[in-house]
Amino acid sequence: MFRIPTPLSWLALLALWLPGSSPAAEPALSSVPALDISRYAGQWHEIAHLPNRFQEDCAGEITATYTLRAAGHLGVRNACLGKDGHRIVADGEARPVAGEPGQLQVRFAPGWLSWLPWVWADYWVIDLDPDYTWAVVGEPGRDYFWILSREPTMDRTLFEAIKLRAGQLGYDLSDLVVSAPLR
C-alpha cells in the first residue's frame, strides 16, 4: 500500500541528497617537490597577482629580488612603482620549511620580532619552469597568488596555460591583476 511521505521522511531524503549535491572540495595544494634556492635567487618580475592589501599602492614595475643568506635563508626585497610615481620598497626574509623544499615562510616584520610565529607567512612555489624562467607562488588558503617571470613580460599563451593550471588547483582568478605586459 502506498503511503504519503511525512515531513520527517522528506527531511531524511533531503539529508541523504544534500551531501552528494555539494560542490567538489578543492584539491589539496602542494608545492613543487624540489626547489634549488641558489637558482631561485635573483630578480623576478611580477606578471600578475591576486589583490592584496600590501600591494594596494603599487602602480606597476613590480619586482621581487631574493639574495642568498646563511642556512638556506633568503633576503627579500619587494619593490614597485607607486601610484604617486615614487619607488616603494619592502625588505624581508624568507626561510625554508623543513622537509618541504618548495615551501618557504616570509616575513617583513623587523628581525627582532622573527621569534613570533605570526610574523611569518606561507610562501609556496606551486609551479616552476624547469629552467627557472617563471614561477607561480601561492599558499594553502589560496588567498594569495603571484605569477613571476625573469623577464618583465610574458608570452600570452604561457600566461593563459599557467592560469588554467591554477584554476585546476582551486584558485579563483576572476580578480587577477595583470601587472606587466603580455606579448
C-alpha atoms as a PDB file:
ATOM      1  CA  MET A   1       0.000   0.000   0.000  1.00  0.00           C
ATOM      2  CA  PHE A   2       1.278   3.496  -0.881  1.00  0.00           C
ATOM      3  CA  ARG A   3       1.810   5.962   1.967  1.00  0.00           C
ATOM      4  CA  ILE A   4       2.107   9.716   1.678  1.00  0.00           C
ATOM      5  CA  PRO A   5       5.583  10.785   2.879  1.00  0.00           C
ATOM      6  CA  THR A   6       5.607  12.629   6.173  1.00  0.00           C
ATOM      7  CA  PRO A   7       7.671  15.806   6.705  1.00  0.00           C
ATOM      8  CA  LEU A   8      10.197  13.698   8.613  1.00  0.00           C
ATOM      9  CA  SER A   9      10.600  11.398   5.583  1.00  0.00           C
ATOM     10  CA  TRP A  10      11.263  14.395   3.369  1.00  0.00           C
ATOM     11  CA  LEU A  11      13.936  15.632   5.773  1.00  0.00           C
ATOM     12  CA  ALA A  12      15.610  12.221   5.742  1.00  0.00           C
ATOM     13  CA  LEU A  13      15.641  12.164   1.930  1.00  0.00           C
ATOM     14  CA  LEU A  14      16.964  15.716   1.824  1.00  0.00           C
ATOM     15  CA  ALA A  15      19.750  14.809   4.261  1.00  0.00           C
ATOM     16  CA  LEU A  16      20.786  11.907   2.023  1.00  0.00           C
ATOM     17  CA  TRP A  17      20.693  14.017  -1.138  1.00  0.00           C
ATOM     18  CA  LEU A  18      22.499  17.174   0.078  1.00  0.00           C
ATOM     19  CA  PRO A  19      25.976  15.714   0.658  1.00  0.00           C
ATOM     20  CA  GLY A  20      26.053  14.471  -2.927  1.00  0.00           C
ATOM     21  CA  SER A  21      24.964  17.842  -4.287  1.00  0.00           C
ATOM     22  CA  SER A  22      27.649  19.947  -2.656  1.00  0.00           C
ATOM     23  CA  PRO A  23      30.448  21.267  -4.851  1.00  0.00           C
ATOM     24  CA  ALA A  24      33.614  19.211  -5.007  1.00  0.00           C
ATOM     25  CA  ALA A  25      36.213  20.069  -2.404  1.00  0.00           C
ATOM     26  CA  GLU A  26      39.291  21.941  -3.577  1.00  0.00           C
ATOM     27  CA  PRO A  27      42.210  19.659  -4.315  1.00  0.00           C
ATOM     28  CA  ALA A  28      44.963  19.797  -1.722  1.00  0.00           C
ATOM     29  CA  LEU A  29      47.535  22.382  -2.725  1.00  0.00           C
ATOM     30  CA  SER A  30      51.100  21.180  -2.939  1.00  0.00           C
ATOM     31  CA  SER A  31      54.371  22.917  -3.562  1.00  0.00           C
ATOM     32  CA  VAL A  32      56.960  21.880  -6.113  1.00  0.00           C
ATOM     33  CA  PRO A  33      58.878  18.767  -4.985  1.00  0.00           C
ATOM     34  CA  ALA A  34      62.287  20.387  -5.476  1.00  0.00           C
ATOM     35  CA  LEU A  35      63.494  23.979  -5.294  1.00  0.00           C
ATOM     36  CA  ASP A  36      67.120  24.969  -5.798  1.00  0.00           C
ATOM     37  CA  ILE A  37      67.334  28.123  -3.689  1.00  0.00           C
ATOM     38  CA  SER A  38      70.518  29.280  -5.421  1.00  0.00           C
ATOM     39  CA  ARG A  39      68.777  29.091  -8.827  1.00  0.00           C
ATOM     40  CA  TYR A  40      65.640  30.724  -7.424  1.00  0.00           C
ATOM     41  CA  ALA A  41      67.644  33.652  -6.048  1.00  0.00           C
ATOM     42  CA  GLY A  42      67.881  36.780  -8.172  1.00  0.00           C
ATOM     43  CA  GLN A  43      65.346  39.192  -9.585  1.00  0.00           C
ATOM     44  CA  TRP A  44      61.809  38.239 -10.576  1.00  0.00           C
ATOM     45  CA  HIS A  45      59.246  40.454 -12.302  1.00  0.00           C
ATOM     46  CA  GLU A  46      55.648  40.164 -11.236  1.00  0.00           C
ATOM     47  CA  ILE A  47      53.343  39.413 -14.149  1.00  0.00           C
ATOM     48  CA  ALA A  48      50.095  39.099 -12.178  1.00  0.00           C
ATOM     49  CA  HIS A  49      48.722  38.777  -8.651  1.00  0.00           C
ATOM     50  CA  LEU A  50      45.517  38.419  -6.723  1.00  0.00           C
ATOM     51  CA  PRO A  51      44.598  41.693  -4.999  1.00  0.00           C
ATOM     52  CA  ASN A  52      46.070  42.086  -1.526  1.00  0.00           C
ATOM     53  CA  ARG A  53      46.371  44.925   0.970  1.00  0.00           C
ATOM     54  CA  PHE A  54      50.152  45.235   0.813  1.00  0.00           C
ATOM     55  CA  GLN A  55      50.200  45.952  -2.925  1.00  0.00           C
ATOM     56  CA  GLU A  56      47.352  48.479  -2.992  1.00  0.00           C
ATOM     57  CA  ASP A  57      49.707  51.407  -3.606  1.00  0.00           C
ATOM     58  CA  CYS A  58      51.628  49.732  -6.448  1.00  0.00           C
ATOM     59  CA  ALA A  59      51.004  51.003  -9.968  1.00  0.00           C
ATOM     60  CA  GLY A  60      53.498  48.816 -11.859  1.00  0.00           C
ATOM     61  CA  GLU A  61      57.111  47.720 -12.345  1.00  0.00           C
ATOM     62  CA  ILE A  62      56.744  45.192  -9.539  1.00  0.00           C
ATOM     63  CA  THR A  63      59.818  43.116  -8.703  1.00  0.00           C
ATOM     64  CA  ALA A  64      60.952  40.653  -6.061  1.00  0.00           C
ATOM     65  CA  THR A  65      64.678  40.183  -5.550  1.00  0.00           C
ATOM     66  CA  TYR A  66      65.974  37.268  -3.497  1.00  0.00           C
ATOM     67  CA  THR A  67      69.543  37.115  -2.178  1.00  0.00           C
ATOM     68  CA  LEU A  68      71.191  34.076  -0.612  1.00  0.00           C
ATOM     69  CA  ARG A  69      71.817  34.138   3.125  1.00  0.00           C
ATOM     70  CA  ALA A  70      73.075  31.575   5.615  1.00  0.00           C
ATOM     71  CA  ALA A  71      71.172  28.375   6.474  1.00  0.00           C
ATOM     72  CA  GLY A  72      69.127  28.393   3.266  1.00  0.00           C
ATOM     73  CA  HIS A  73      67.508  31.707   4.092  1.00  0.00           C
ATOM     74  CA  LEU A  74      66.888  34.427   1.518  1.00  0.00           C
ATOM     75  CA  GLY A  75      66.907  38.177   1.784  1.00  0.00           C
ATOM     76  CA  VAL A  76      63.736  39.524   0.161  1.00  0.00           C
ATOM     77  CA  ARG A  77      63.329  42.927  -1.459  1.00  0.00           C
ATOM     78  CA  ASN A  78      59.933  43.666  -2.976  1.00  0.00           C
ATOM     79  CA  ALA A  79      59.705  46.884  -4.967  1.00  0.00           C
ATOM     80  CA  CYS A  80      57.193  48.637  -7.174  1.00  0.00           C
ATOM     81  CA  LEU A  81      56.421  51.960  -8.756  1.00  0.00           C
ATOM     82  CA  GLY A  82      53.880  53.632  -6.509  1.00  0.00           C
ATOM     83  CA  LYS A  83      50.746  55.374  -7.724  1.00  0.00           C
ATOM     84  CA  ASP A  84      52.410  58.682  -6.801  1.00  0.00           C
ATOM     85  CA  GLY A  85      55.408  57.893  -9.053  1.00  0.00           C
ATOM     86  CA  HIS A  86      57.831  57.067  -6.228  1.00  0.00           C
ATOM     87  CA  ARG A  87      59.520  53.708  -5.716  1.00  0.00           C
ATOM     88  CA  ILE A  88      58.097  51.640  -2.842  1.00  0.00           C
ATOM     89  CA  VAL A  89      60.434  49.073  -1.253  1.00  0.00           C
ATOM     90  CA  ALA A  90      59.806  46.432   1.416  1.00  0.00           C
ATOM     91  CA  ASP A  91      62.677  44.353   2.799  1.00  0.00           C
ATOM     92  CA  GLY A  92      62.166  40.999   4.463  1.00  0.00           C
ATOM     93  CA  GLU A  93      63.471  37.493   4.905  1.00  0.00           C
ATOM     94  CA  ALA A  94      62.426  34.044   3.713  1.00  0.00           C
ATOM     95  CA  ARG A  95      63.273  30.815   5.495  1.00  0.00           C
ATOM     96  CA  PRO A  96      62.873  27.217   4.328  1.00  0.00           C
ATOM     97  CA  VAL A  97      60.269  24.866   5.775  1.00  0.00           C
ATOM     98  CA  ALA A  98      61.997  21.686   6.977  1.00  0.00           C
ATOM     99  CA  GLY A  99      61.209  18.689   4.780  1.00  0.00           C
ATOM    100  CA  GLU A 100      59.263  20.760   2.214  1.00  0.00           C
ATOM    101  CA  PRO A 101      61.689  22.002  -0.480  1.00  0.00           C
ATOM    102  CA  GLY A 102      59.117  24.137  -2.350  1.00  0.00           C
ATOM    103  CA  GLN A 103      57.828  25.843   0.771  1.00  0.00           C
ATOM    104  CA  LEU A 104      59.193  28.945   2.413  1.00  0.00           C
ATOM    105  CA  GLN A 105      57.944  31.292   5.078  1.00  0.00           C
ATOM    106  CA  VAL A 106      58.434  35.013   4.619  1.00  0.00           C
ATOM    107  CA  ARG A 107      58.323  37.948   6.994  1.00  0.00           C
ATOM    108  CA  PHE A 108      58.550  41.698   6.575  1.00  0.00           C
ATOM    109  CA  ALA A 109      58.363  42.497  10.290  1.00  0.00           C
ATOM    110  CA  PRO A 110      61.610  43.666  11.934  1.00  0.00           C
ATOM    111  CA  GLY A 111      64.181  40.955  12.647  1.00  0.00           C
ATOM    112  CA  TRP A 112      63.813  41.308  16.402  1.00  0.00           C
ATOM    113  CA  LEU A 113      60.223  40.068  16.007  1.00  0.00           C
ATOM    114  CA  SER A 114      61.205  36.988  13.991  1.00  0.00           C
ATOM    115  CA  TRP A 115      60.719  34.719  17.012  1.00  0.00           C
ATOM    116  CA  LEU A 116      56.951  35.360  16.827  1.00  0.00           C
ATOM    117  CA  PRO A 117      55.270  32.705  14.673  1.00  0.00           C
ATOM    118  CA  TRP A 118      52.550  35.042  13.343  1.00  0.00           C
ATOM    119  CA  VAL A 119      55.005  37.394  11.613  1.00  0.00           C
ATOM    120  CA  TRP A 120      55.798  34.594   9.152  1.00  0.00           C
ATOM    121  CA  ALA A 121      53.534  33.882   6.171  1.00  0.00           C
ATOM    122  CA  ASP A 122      53.432  30.863   3.888  1.00  0.00           C
ATOM    123  CA  TYR A 123      55.184  31.285   0.536  1.00  0.00           C
ATOM    124  CA  TRP A 124      54.789  28.175  -1.575  1.00  0.00           C
ATOM    125  CA  VAL A 125      56.270  27.769  -5.027  1.00  0.00           C
ATOM    126  CA  ILE A 126      53.406  25.796  -6.601  1.00  0.00           C
ATOM    127  CA  ASP A 127      54.623  25.725 -10.203  1.00  0.00           C
ATOM    128  CA  LEU A 128      58.064  26.323 -11.643  1.00  0.00           C
ATOM    129  CA  ASP A 129      59.649  26.253 -15.067  1.00  0.00           C
ATOM    130  CA  PRO A 130      62.483  23.666 -15.176  1.00  0.00           C
ATOM    131  CA  ASP A 131      64.823  26.458 -16.317  1.00  0.00           C
ATOM    132  CA  TYR A 132      63.614  28.812 -13.571  1.00  0.00           C
ATOM    133  CA  THR A 133      62.354  31.363 -16.123  1.00  0.00           C
ATOM    134  CA  TRP A 134      58.923  31.644 -14.466  1.00  0.00           C
ATOM    135  CA  ALA A 135      57.365  30.647 -11.155  1.00  0.00           C
ATOM    136  CA  VAL A 136      53.944  30.583  -9.544  1.00  0.00           C
ATOM    137  CA  VAL A 137      53.676  31.387  -5.844  1.00  0.00           C
ATOM    138  CA  GLY A 138      50.702  30.752  -3.595  1.00  0.00           C
ATOM    139  CA  GLU A 139      49.724  29.474  -0.173  1.00  0.00           C
ATOM    140  CA  PRO A 140      47.377  26.791   1.178  1.00  0.00           C
ATOM    141  CA  GLY A 141      44.424  29.142   1.757  1.00  0.00           C
ATOM    142  CA  ARG A 142      44.566  30.280  -1.895  1.00  0.00           C
ATOM    143  CA  ASP A 143      44.149  33.908  -0.811  1.00  0.00           C
ATOM    144  CA  TYR A 144      47.489  34.978  -2.270  1.00  0.00           C
ATOM    145  CA  PHE A 145      48.803  34.242  -5.750  1.00  0.00           C
ATOM    146  CA  TRP A 146      51.601  35.580  -7.928  1.00  0.00           C
ATOM    147  CA  ILE A 147      52.910  34.774 -11.398  1.00  0.00           C
ATOM    148  CA  LEU A 148      56.597  35.706 -11.632  1.00  0.00           C
ATOM    149  CA  SER A 149      58.991  35.828 -14.575  1.00  0.00           C
ATOM    150  CA  ARG A 150      62.685  36.510 -15.001  1.00  0.00           C
ATOM    151  CA  GLU A 151      61.691  38.838 -17.855  1.00  0.00           C
ATOM    152  CA  PRO A 152      59.451  41.910 -17.436  1.00  0.00           C
ATOM    153  CA  THR A 153      56.929  40.447 -19.917  1.00  0.00           C
ATOM    154  CA  MET A 154      55.405  37.036 -20.547  1.00  0.00           C
ATOM    155  CA  ASP A 155      54.091  35.201 -23.569  1.00  0.00           C
ATOM    156  CA  ARG A 156      50.269  35.343 -23.523  1.00  0.00           C
ATOM    157  CA  THR A 157      49.911  31.619 -24.343  1.00  0.00           C
ATOM    158  CA  LEU A 158      52.145  30.669 -21.404  1.00  0.00           C
ATOM    159  CA  PHE A 159      50.256  33.087 -19.139  1.00  0.00           C
ATOM    160  CA  GLU A 160      46.911  31.506 -20.080  1.00  0.00           C
ATOM    161  CA  ALA A 161      48.314  27.992 -19.518  1.00  0.00           C
ATOM    162  CA  ILE A 162      49.531  28.998 -16.042  1.00  0.00           C
ATOM    163  CA  LYS A 163      46.108  30.468 -15.232  1.00  0.00           C
ATOM    164  CA  LEU A 164      44.399  27.282 -16.405  1.00  0.00           C
ATOM    165  CA  ARG A 165      46.615  25.123 -14.161  1.00  0.00           C
ATOM    166  CA  ALA A 166      45.990  27.461 -11.213  1.00  0.00           C
ATOM    167  CA  GLY A 167      42.244  27.187 -11.760  1.00  0.00           C
ATOM    168  CA  GLN A 168      42.568  23.404 -11.669  1.00  0.00           C
ATOM    169  CA  LEU A 169      44.328  23.781  -8.302  1.00  0.00           C
ATOM    170  CA  GLY A 170      41.296  25.609  -6.919  1.00  0.00           C
ATOM    171  CA  TYR A 171      42.359  29.232  -7.389  1.00  0.00           C
ATOM    172  CA  ASP A 172      39.623  31.725  -8.262  1.00  0.00           C
ATOM    173  CA  LEU A 173      41.420  34.118 -10.604  1.00  0.00           C
ATOM    174  CA  SER A 174      38.398  36.227 -11.549  1.00  0.00           C
ATOM    175  CA  ASP A 175      40.006  39.234  -9.796  1.00  0.00           C
ATOM    176  CA  LEU A 176      43.536  38.601 -11.097  1.00  0.00           C
ATOM    177  CA  VAL A 177      45.501  41.822 -11.580  1.00  0.00           C
ATOM    178  CA  VAL A 178      47.792  41.697 -14.614  1.00  0.00           C
ATOM    179  CA  SER A 179      50.670  43.980 -13.677  1.00  0.00           C
ATOM    180  CA  ALA A 180      53.024  43.532 -16.645  1.00  0.00           C
ATOM    181  CA  PRO A 181      52.639  43.449 -20.416  1.00  0.00           C
ATOM    182  CA  LEU A 182      51.836  40.197 -22.175  1.00  0.00           C
ATOM    183  CA  ARG A 183      53.173  39.547 -25.650  1.00  0.00           C
END
